[in-house]
């Protein structure tokens, strides 16, 4: 058993896809598609293990904003070895990081993506893994 994908609603597929490609190196899995079960368009990215599905509703379909500190979608966690590179890319894109430890580069921090989705970045902590 494994998690197959996480679906995130976005206002702009191309903008979000390009953002995640630049920041984390996610790869596209095919072209934009219009799945029959979703009222809009979709584009799948992957980290090589779990797919990150970007969903853009058709015009006129109401979407809810992400809300930190509320019930419902809260954040997405990404584990990456080179947090320094990610901090550098985010800085170049004008994206502010917060919640970082006071180390250079930080082992963990957070930021908001172009749609306000909170992304929690951390280096691997292998102490909790199942053998």
Protein backbone atom coordinates (compact mmCIF):
# COMPACT_ATOMS: atom_id res chain seq x y z
CA UNK A 1 0.00 0.00 0.00
CA UNK A 2 1.18 3.53 -0.70
CA UNK A 3 -0.13 7.02 -1.28
CA UNK A 4 -0.59 7.50 -5.03
CA UNK A 5 -1.11 11.26 -5.24
CA UNK A 6 -2.07 14.45 -3.47
CA UNK A 7 -4.44 16.81 -5.28
CA UNK A 8 -4.04 20.57 -4.87
CA UNK A 9 -6.45 23.13 -6.33
CA UNK A 10 -4.69 25.98 -8.10
CA UNK A 11 -5.77 29.13 -9.92
CA UNK A 12 -3.19 28.62 -12.70
CA UNK A 13 -1.82 25.20 -13.71
CA UNK A 14 1.19 26.46 -15.63
CA UNK A 15 2.24 28.96 -12.95
CA UNK A 16 2.02 26.33 -10.20
CA UNK A 17 3.71 23.60 -12.24
CA UNK A 18 6.61 25.88 -13.15
CA UNK A 19 6.92 26.98 -9.50
CA UNK A 20 7.20 23.40 -8.19
CA UNK A 21 9.59 22.42 -10.98
CA UNK A 22 11.90 25.32 -10.09
CA UNK A 23 11.69 24.97 -6.31
CA UNK A 24 11.80 21.19 -5.85
CA UNK A 25 12.67 19.76 -9.25
CA UNK A 26 9.30 17.98 -9.59
CA UNK A 27 8.79 16.46 -13.06
CA UNK A 28 5.67 16.63 -15.22
CA UNK A 29 3.79 13.42 -15.98
CA UNK A 30 2.20 14.14 -19.32
CA UNK A 31 0.19 17.09 -20.56
CA UNK A 32 -2.74 19.04 -19.15
CA UNK A 33 -5.83 16.84 -19.15
CA UNK A 34 -9.53 17.21 -18.47
CA UNK A 35 -10.48 14.30 -16.21
CA UNK A 36 -14.17 13.38 -16.29
CA UNK A 37 -14.48 13.32 -12.50
CA UNK A 38 -13.14 16.87 -11.95
CA UNK A 39 -14.84 20.04 -13.24
CA UNK A 40 -11.77 21.56 -14.88
CA UNK A 41 -8.21 20.73 -15.92
CA UNK A 42 -5.45 18.75 -14.23
CA UNK A 43 -1.69 18.39 -14.51
CA UNK A 44 0.34 15.79 -12.65
CA UNK A 45 3.83 16.33 -11.28
CA UNK A 46 5.95 13.81 -9.41
CA UNK A 47 8.86 13.66 -7.02
CA UNK A 48 9.55 10.16 -8.36
CA UNK A 49 7.53 8.47 -5.64
CA UNK A 50 4.27 10.35 -4.99
CA UNK A 51 2.38 12.36 -7.60
CA UNK A 52 1.40 15.96 -6.94
CA UNK A 53 -1.76 16.60 -8.93
CA UNK A 54 -2.57 20.21 -9.73
CA UNK A 55 -6.28 20.83 -10.31
CA UNK A 56 -7.66 24.00 -11.89
CA UNK A 57 -11.47 24.30 -11.71
CA UNK A 58 -13.43 25.70 -14.63
CA UNK A 59 -14.38 29.35 -14.40
CA UNK A 60 -17.41 29.80 -12.18
CA UNK A 61 -16.57 26.87 -9.90
CA UNK A 62 -16.00 28.21 -6.40
CA UNK A 63 -12.72 27.27 -4.74
CA UNK A 64 -11.84 27.52 -1.07
CA UNK A 65 -8.70 29.25 0.11
CA UNK A 66 -6.17 27.31 2.16
CA UNK A 67 -6.32 28.39 5.77
CA UNK A 68 -3.46 27.81 8.18
CA UNK A 69 -4.58 27.04 11.72
CA UNK A 70 -8.05 25.85 10.64
CA UNK A 71 -9.70 22.48 10.17
CA UNK A 72 -9.35 21.12 6.65
CA UNK A 73 -6.32 21.17 4.37
CA UNK A 74 -3.43 22.50 6.40
CA UNK A 75 -0.09 22.03 4.64
CA UNK A 76 2.01 19.84 2.38
CA UNK A 77 5.27 18.42 3.72
CA UNK A 78 8.28 17.96 1.44
CA UNK A 79 11.48 16.22 2.49
CA UNK A 80 14.63 17.31 0.66
CA UNK A 81 18.36 16.91 1.26
CA UNK A 82 19.49 20.31 -0.06
CA UNK A 83 17.39 22.87 1.79
CA UNK A 84 19.98 25.55 1.01
CA UNK A 85 19.25 25.28 -2.72
CA UNK A 86 15.49 25.53 -2.07
CA UNK A 87 15.96 28.61 0.14
CA UNK A 88 18.06 30.19 -2.62
CA UNK A 89 15.46 29.46 -5.32
CA UNK A 90 12.63 30.78 -3.15
CA UNK A 91 14.60 33.94 -2.41
CA UNK A 92 15.16 34.46 -6.13
CA UNK A 93 11.40 34.13 -6.68
CA UNK A 94 10.69 36.65 -3.90
CA UNK A 95 9.08 34.00 -1.66
CA UNK A 96 9.52 34.54 2.07
CA UNK A 97 10.34 31.58 4.30
CA UNK A 98 9.27 31.40 7.95
CA UNK A 99 9.37 29.01 10.89
CA UNK A 100 13.01 28.22 10.14
CA UNK A 101 15.53 27.07 12.67
CA UNK A 102 18.51 29.34 13.19
CA UNK A 103 21.04 27.40 11.15
CA UNK A 104 22.48 28.02 7.71
CA UNK A 105 21.02 26.41 5.77
CA UNK A 106 18.01 25.62 7.98
CA UNK A 107 16.99 21.97 8.38
CA UNK A 108 13.33 22.98 8.28
CA UNK A 109 11.20 25.95 7.26
CA UNK A 110 7.85 26.85 5.70
CA UNK A 111 6.64 29.03 2.84
CA UNK A 112 3.44 29.75 0.92
CA UNK A 113 3.15 28.70 -2.73
CA UNK A 114 1.51 30.98 -5.34
CA UNK A 115 -1.97 29.80 -4.26
CA UNK A 116 -1.35 30.23 -0.52
CA UNK A 117 -0.73 26.52 0.14
CA UNK A 118 1.63 26.20 3.09
CA UNK A 119 4.62 23.99 2.28
CA UNK A 120 6.64 22.56 5.17
CA UNK A 121 10.20 21.69 4.07
CA UNK A 122 12.59 19.56 6.10
CA UNK A 123 15.69 17.47 5.71
CA UNK A 124 15.23 13.71 6.21
CA UNK A 125 14.71 12.53 9.78
CA UNK A 126 15.25 8.82 9.54
CA UNK A 127 14.53 8.17 13.23
CA UNK A 128 10.79 7.66 12.65
CA UNK A 129 10.97 5.45 9.53
CA UNK A 130 9.60 1.94 9.47
CA UNK A 131 12.38 -0.55 8.82
